[in-house]
Amino acid sequence: MESKIVIDKMHPEDWDKVKDIYLEGIATGNATFQKEAPSWEEWDNNHLATCRMVARLKDEILGWVALTPVSNRYVYAGVAEVSVYVSQRSKGKGIGDLLLKTLIEQSEQNGFWTLQSGIFPENVASLKLHKNNGFREIGRRERIGEMDGVWRDIFLLERRSNEV
């Protein structure tokens, strides 16, 4: 019998595997401005408790997705920043698409009307993934952050819900 990939809630005990995938993304230099992974406690405090998921194949975690609030002001309660990471060995297998589709569905069930992502122009796969899932480019933030002595741009993408 063929094993099936399951999108499941992320649990604290998943953190070591989630962190390893995050570190792989950091190592590319094109996934985040972060230079190291935070502790579970810091990560947990910075991400919303809802819409945290992992892609599982048996006991292996292939990728993860989560939301970060863009503001603590009430008016922005339905707006969140997307993080989606797929392990290097699982890239190109539709894991990111499965995670992002599930995240969109879950976010709408939880009252989010806008999802946004800031993506380095060099991260072509992530740009394609987001655009294929209804995100549109709304601008380029030039020289938004410095990384290893180089000022980097990001594309700002957003997805507006038709349901919320």
C-alpha atoms as a PDB file:
ATOM      1  CA  MET A   1       0.000   0.000   0.000  1.00  0.00           C
ATOM      2  CA  GLU A   2       1.337   3.438  -0.989  1.00  0.00           C
ATOM      3  CA  SER A   3       1.934   5.944   1.803  1.00  0.00           C
ATOM      4  CA  LYS A   4      -0.030   9.162   1.654  1.00  0.00           C
ATOM      5  CA  ILE A   5       1.086  12.676   2.495  1.00  0.00           C
ATOM      6  CA  VAL A   6      -1.080  14.096   5.251  1.00  0.00           C
ATOM      7  CA  ILE A   7      -1.424  17.770   6.122  1.00  0.00           C
ATOM      8  CA  ASP A   8      -1.679  17.857   9.883  1.00  0.00           C
ATOM      9  CA  LYS A   9      -1.586  20.321  12.752  1.00  0.00           C
ATOM     10  CA  MET A  10       1.919  21.274  13.860  1.00  0.00           C
ATOM     11  CA  HIS A  11       2.688  20.141  17.409  1.00  0.00           C
ATOM     12  CA  PRO A  12       5.465  21.390  19.727  1.00  0.00           C
ATOM     13  CA  GLU A  13       7.158  18.002  19.455  1.00  0.00           C
ATOM     14  CA  ASP A  14       7.500  18.623  15.676  1.00  0.00           C
ATOM     15  CA  TRP A  15       9.778  21.604  16.306  1.00  0.00           C
ATOM     16  CA  ASP A  16      13.133  19.845  15.782  1.00  0.00           C
ATOM     17  CA  LYS A  17      12.102  18.648  12.313  1.00  0.00           C
ATOM     18  CA  VAL A  18      10.393  21.948  11.473  1.00  0.00           C
ATOM     19  CA  LYS A  19      13.508  23.827  12.590  1.00  0.00           C
ATOM     20  CA  ASP A  20      15.724  21.623  10.393  1.00  0.00           C
ATOM     21  CA  ILE A  21      13.621  22.542   7.349  1.00  0.00           C
ATOM     22  CA  TYR A  22      13.746  26.201   8.350  1.00  0.00           C
ATOM     23  CA  LEU A  23      17.544  25.985   8.631  1.00  0.00           C
ATOM     24  CA  GLU A  24      17.678  24.528   5.104  1.00  0.00           C
ATOM     25  CA  GLY A  25      15.742  27.578   3.903  1.00  0.00           C
ATOM     26  CA  ILE A  26      18.045  29.940   5.788  1.00  0.00           C
ATOM     27  CA  ALA A  27      21.077  28.247   4.204  1.00  0.00           C
ATOM     28  CA  THR A  28      19.836  29.071   0.684  1.00  0.00           C
ATOM     29  CA  GLY A  29      20.134  32.789   1.410  1.00  0.00           C
ATOM     30  CA  ASN A  30      16.905  33.391  -0.520  1.00  0.00           C
ATOM     31  CA  ALA A  31      14.157  32.301   1.867  1.00  0.00           C
ATOM     32  CA  THR A  32      14.405  34.753   4.771  1.00  0.00           C
ATOM     33  CA  PHE A  33      16.490  37.547   6.237  1.00  0.00           C
ATOM     34  CA  GLN A  34      16.919  35.375   9.354  1.00  0.00           C
ATOM     35  CA  LYS A  35      20.416  34.009   9.923  1.00  0.00           C
ATOM     36  CA  GLU A  36      19.497  31.395  12.536  1.00  0.00           C
ATOM     37  CA  ALA A  37      16.433  29.536  13.727  1.00  0.00           C
ATOM     38  CA  PRO A  38      14.795  30.774  16.921  1.00  0.00           C
ATOM     39  CA  SER A  39      13.967  28.650  19.935  1.00  0.00           C
ATOM     40  CA  TRP A  40      10.581  26.932  19.968  1.00  0.00           C
ATOM     41  CA  GLU A  41       9.349  29.451  22.538  1.00  0.00           C
ATOM     42  CA  GLU A  42      10.313  32.447  20.400  1.00  0.00           C
ATOM     43  CA  TRP A  43       8.884  30.888  17.237  1.00  0.00           C
ATOM     44  CA  ASP A  44       5.682  29.917  19.061  1.00  0.00           C
ATOM     45  CA  ASN A  45       5.230  33.462  20.427  1.00  0.00           C
ATOM     46  CA  ASN A  46       5.706  35.057  16.995  1.00  0.00           C
ATOM     47  CA  HIS A  47       3.334  32.809  15.003  1.00  0.00           C
ATOM     48  CA  LEU A  48      -0.420  32.528  15.267  1.00  0.00           C
ATOM     49  CA  ALA A  49      -1.715  29.436  17.058  1.00  0.00           C
ATOM     50  CA  THR A  50      -4.147  28.767  14.212  1.00  0.00           C
ATOM     51  CA  CYS A  51      -3.110  27.652  10.734  1.00  0.00           C
ATOM     52  CA  ARG A  52       0.160  25.938  11.731  1.00  0.00           C
ATOM     53  CA  MET A  53       0.539  22.788   9.683  1.00  0.00           C
ATOM     54  CA  VAL A  54       3.057  20.240   8.551  1.00  0.00           C
ATOM     55  CA  ALA A  55       3.116  17.829   5.635  1.00  0.00           C
ATOM     56  CA  ARG A  56       3.716  14.322   6.997  1.00  0.00           C
ATOM     57  CA  LEU A  57       4.694  11.120   5.258  1.00  0.00           C
ATOM     58  CA  LYS A  58       4.631   8.469   7.962  1.00  0.00           C
ATOM     59  CA  ASP A  59       6.984   9.884  10.649  1.00  0.00           C
ATOM     60  CA  GLU A  60       8.764  12.285   8.306  1.00  0.00           C
ATOM     61  CA  ILE A  61       7.930  15.989   8.036  1.00  0.00           C
ATOM     62  CA  LEU A  62       8.314  17.193   4.452  1.00  0.00           C
ATOM     63  CA  GLY A  63       7.392  20.846   4.949  1.00  0.00           C
ATOM     64  CA  TRP A  64       5.501  23.312   7.075  1.00  0.00           C
ATOM     65  CA  VAL A  65       3.375  26.436   6.882  1.00  0.00           C
ATOM     66  CA  ALA A  66       2.359  29.054   9.440  1.00  0.00           C
ATOM     67  CA  LEU A  67       1.003  32.581   9.800  1.00  0.00           C
ATOM     68  CA  THR A  68       2.430  35.634  11.541  1.00  0.00           C
ATOM     69  CA  PRO A  69       0.223  38.604  12.407  1.00  0.00           C
ATOM     70  CA  VAL A  70       1.128  41.767  10.499  1.00  0.00           C
ATOM     71  CA  SER A  71      -0.031  43.975  13.379  1.00  0.00           C
ATOM     72  CA  ASN A  72      -1.516  43.683  16.843  1.00  0.00           C
ATOM     73  CA  ARG A  73      -4.098  46.371  15.988  1.00  0.00           C
ATOM     74  CA  TYR A  74      -7.659  45.059  15.868  1.00  0.00           C
ATOM     75  CA  VAL A  75      -8.329  46.461  12.382  1.00  0.00           C
ATOM     76  CA  TYR A  76      -5.643  44.102  10.975  1.00  0.00           C
ATOM     77  CA  ALA A  77      -6.848  40.972  12.795  1.00  0.00           C
ATOM     78  CA  GLY A  78      -7.677  39.286   9.465  1.00  0.00           C
ATOM     79  CA  VAL A  79      -4.333  40.017   7.797  1.00  0.00           C
ATOM     80  CA  ALA A  80      -1.366  37.672   8.189  1.00  0.00           C
ATOM     81  CA  GLU A  81       2.053  36.957   6.707  1.00  0.00           C
ATOM     82  CA  VAL A  82       2.633  33.503   5.220  1.00  0.00           C
ATOM     83  CA  SER A  83       5.655  31.291   5.894  1.00  0.00           C
ATOM     84  CA  VAL A  84       5.922  28.137   3.794  1.00  0.00           C
ATOM     85  CA  TYR A  85       8.982  25.901   3.794  1.00  0.00           C
ATOM     86  CA  VAL A  86       9.633  22.562   2.096  1.00  0.00           C
ATOM     87  CA  SER A  87      12.578  20.280   2.834  1.00  0.00           C
ATOM     88  CA  GLN A  88      15.256  20.248   0.146  1.00  0.00           C
ATOM     89  CA  ARG A  89      14.685  16.544  -0.571  1.00  0.00           C
ATOM     90  CA  SER A  90      10.939  17.128  -1.039  1.00  0.00           C
ATOM     91  CA  LYS A  91      11.091  20.104  -3.420  1.00  0.00           C
ATOM     92  CA  GLY A  92       9.336  19.776  -6.761  1.00  0.00           C
ATOM     93  CA  LYS A  93       6.830  17.182  -5.511  1.00  0.00           C
ATOM     94  CA  GLY A  94       3.837  19.470  -4.905  1.00  0.00           C
ATOM     95  CA  ILE A  95       4.313  19.663  -1.121  1.00  0.00           C
ATOM     96  CA  GLY A  96       4.395  23.474  -1.062  1.00  0.00           C
ATOM     97  CA  ASP A  97       1.251  23.623  -3.186  1.00  0.00           C
ATOM     98  CA  LEU A  98      -0.556  21.195  -0.890  1.00  0.00           C
ATOM     99  CA  LEU A  99       0.514  23.145   2.201  1.00  0.00           C
ATOM    100  CA  LEU A 100      -0.405  26.543   0.767  1.00  0.00           C
ATOM    101  CA  LYS A 101      -3.810  25.390  -0.512  1.00  0.00           C
ATOM    102  CA  THR A 102      -4.597  23.953   2.924  1.00  0.00           C
ATOM    103  CA  LEU A 103      -3.360  27.124   4.627  1.00  0.00           C
ATOM    104  CA  ILE A 104      -5.619  29.280   2.458  1.00  0.00           C
ATOM    105  CA  GLU A 105      -8.614  27.102   3.311  1.00  0.00           C
ATOM    106  CA  GLN A 106      -7.798  27.101   7.040  1.00  0.00           C
ATOM    107  CA  SER A 107      -7.100  30.839   7.086  1.00  0.00           C
ATOM    108  CA  GLU A 108     -10.513  31.579   5.587  1.00  0.00           C
ATOM    109  CA  GLN A 109     -12.175  29.301   8.137  1.00  0.00           C
ATOM    110  CA  ASN A 110     -10.411  31.381  10.798  1.00  0.00           C
ATOM    111  CA  GLY A 111     -11.544  34.748   9.428  1.00  0.00           C
ATOM    112  CA  PHE A 112      -8.453  35.908   7.520  1.00  0.00           C
ATOM    113  CA  TRP A 113      -9.288  38.088   4.533  1.00  0.00           C
ATOM    114  CA  THR A 114      -5.753  38.921   3.419  1.00  0.00           C
ATOM    115  CA  LEU A 115      -2.625  36.789   3.276  1.00  0.00           C
ATOM    116  CA  GLN A 116       0.651  38.380   2.300  1.00  0.00           C
ATOM    117  CA  SER A 117       4.197  37.265   1.585  1.00  0.00           C
ATOM    118  CA  GLY A 118       7.484  39.057   1.112  1.00  0.00           C
ATOM    119  CA  ILE A 119       9.633  37.032  -1.288  1.00  0.00           C
ATOM    120  CA  PHE A 120      13.151  37.632  -2.590  1.00  0.00           C
ATOM    121  CA  PRO A 121      13.168  38.064  -6.398  1.00  0.00           C
ATOM    122  CA  GLU A 122      15.708  35.239  -6.599  1.00  0.00           C
ATOM    123  CA  ASN A 123      13.254  32.786  -4.994  1.00  0.00           C
ATOM    124  CA  VAL A 124      11.538  31.972  -8.288  1.00  0.00           C
ATOM    125  CA  ALA A 125       9.933  28.752  -7.007  1.00  0.00           C
ATOM    126  CA  SER A 126       8.228  30.548  -4.114  1.00  0.00           C
ATOM    127  CA  LEU A 127       7.014  33.359  -6.366  1.00  0.00           C
ATOM    128  CA  LYS A 128       5.532  30.790  -8.759  1.00  0.00           C
ATOM    129  CA  LEU A 129       3.951  28.817  -5.892  1.00  0.00           C
ATOM    130  CA  HIS A 130       2.235  31.897  -4.492  1.00  0.00           C
ATOM    131  CA  LYS A 131       1.055  33.209  -7.875  1.00  0.00           C
ATOM    132  CA  ASN A 132      -0.340  29.758  -8.743  1.00  0.00           C
ATOM    133  CA  ASN A 133      -2.406  29.969  -5.540  1.00  0.00           C
ATOM    134  CA  GLY A 134      -4.054  33.316  -6.181  1.00  0.00           C
ATOM    135  CA  PHE A 135      -1.442  35.707  -4.809  1.00  0.00           C
ATOM    136  CA  ARG A 136      -0.703  38.770  -6.876  1.00  0.00           C
ATOM    137  CA  GLU A 137       2.342  40.966  -6.857  1.00  0.00           C
ATOM    138  CA  ILE A 138       1.453  44.330  -5.380  1.00  0.00           C
ATOM    139  CA  GLY A 139       4.908  45.874  -5.324  1.00  0.00           C
ATOM    140  CA  ARG A 140       8.618  45.614  -4.963  1.00  0.00           C
ATOM    141  CA  ARG A 141      10.148  46.859  -1.738  1.00  0.00           C
ATOM    142  CA  GLU A 142      13.594  48.014  -2.805  1.00  0.00           C
ATOM    143  CA  ARG A 143      16.544  47.748  -0.456  1.00  0.00           C
ATOM    144  CA  ILE A 144      14.195  46.748   2.373  1.00  0.00           C
ATOM    145  CA  GLY A 145      16.848  44.911   4.369  1.00  0.00           C
ATOM    146  CA  GLU A 146      20.570  44.329   4.481  1.00  0.00           C
ATOM    147  CA  MET A 147      21.902  40.793   4.369  1.00  0.00           C
ATOM    148  CA  ASP A 148      25.601  39.984   4.496  1.00  0.00           C
ATOM    149  CA  GLY A 149      26.459  43.535   3.483  1.00  0.00           C
ATOM    150  CA  VAL A 150      24.082  43.542   0.493  1.00  0.00           C
ATOM    151  CA  TRP A 151      20.804  45.460   0.398  1.00  0.00           C
ATOM    152  CA  ARG A 152      18.025  43.120  -0.741  1.00  0.00           C
ATOM    153  CA  ASP A 153      14.663  43.694  -2.388  1.00  0.00           C
ATOM    154  CA  ILE A 154      11.515  41.692  -1.848  1.00  0.00           C
ATOM    155  CA  PHE A 155       8.361  41.351  -3.894  1.00  0.00           C
ATOM    156  CA  LEU A 156       5.259  41.902  -1.793  1.00  0.00           C
ATOM    157  CA  LEU A 157       2.453  39.545  -2.766  1.00  0.00           C
ATOM    158  CA  GLU A 158      -1.040  39.310  -1.365  1.00  0.00           C
ATOM    159  CA  ARG A 159      -4.109  37.139  -1.682  1.00  0.00           C
ATOM    160  CA  ARG A 160      -7.533  38.530  -0.901  1.00  0.00           C
ATOM    161  CA  SER A 161     -10.198  36.062   0.132  1.00  0.00           C
ATOM    162  CA  ASN A 162     -13.446  35.813  -1.787  1.00  0.00           C
ATOM    163  CA  GLU A 163     -14.967  33.997   1.199  1.00  0.00           C
ATOM    164  CA  VAL A 164     -14.235  36.314   4.142  1.00  0.00           C
END
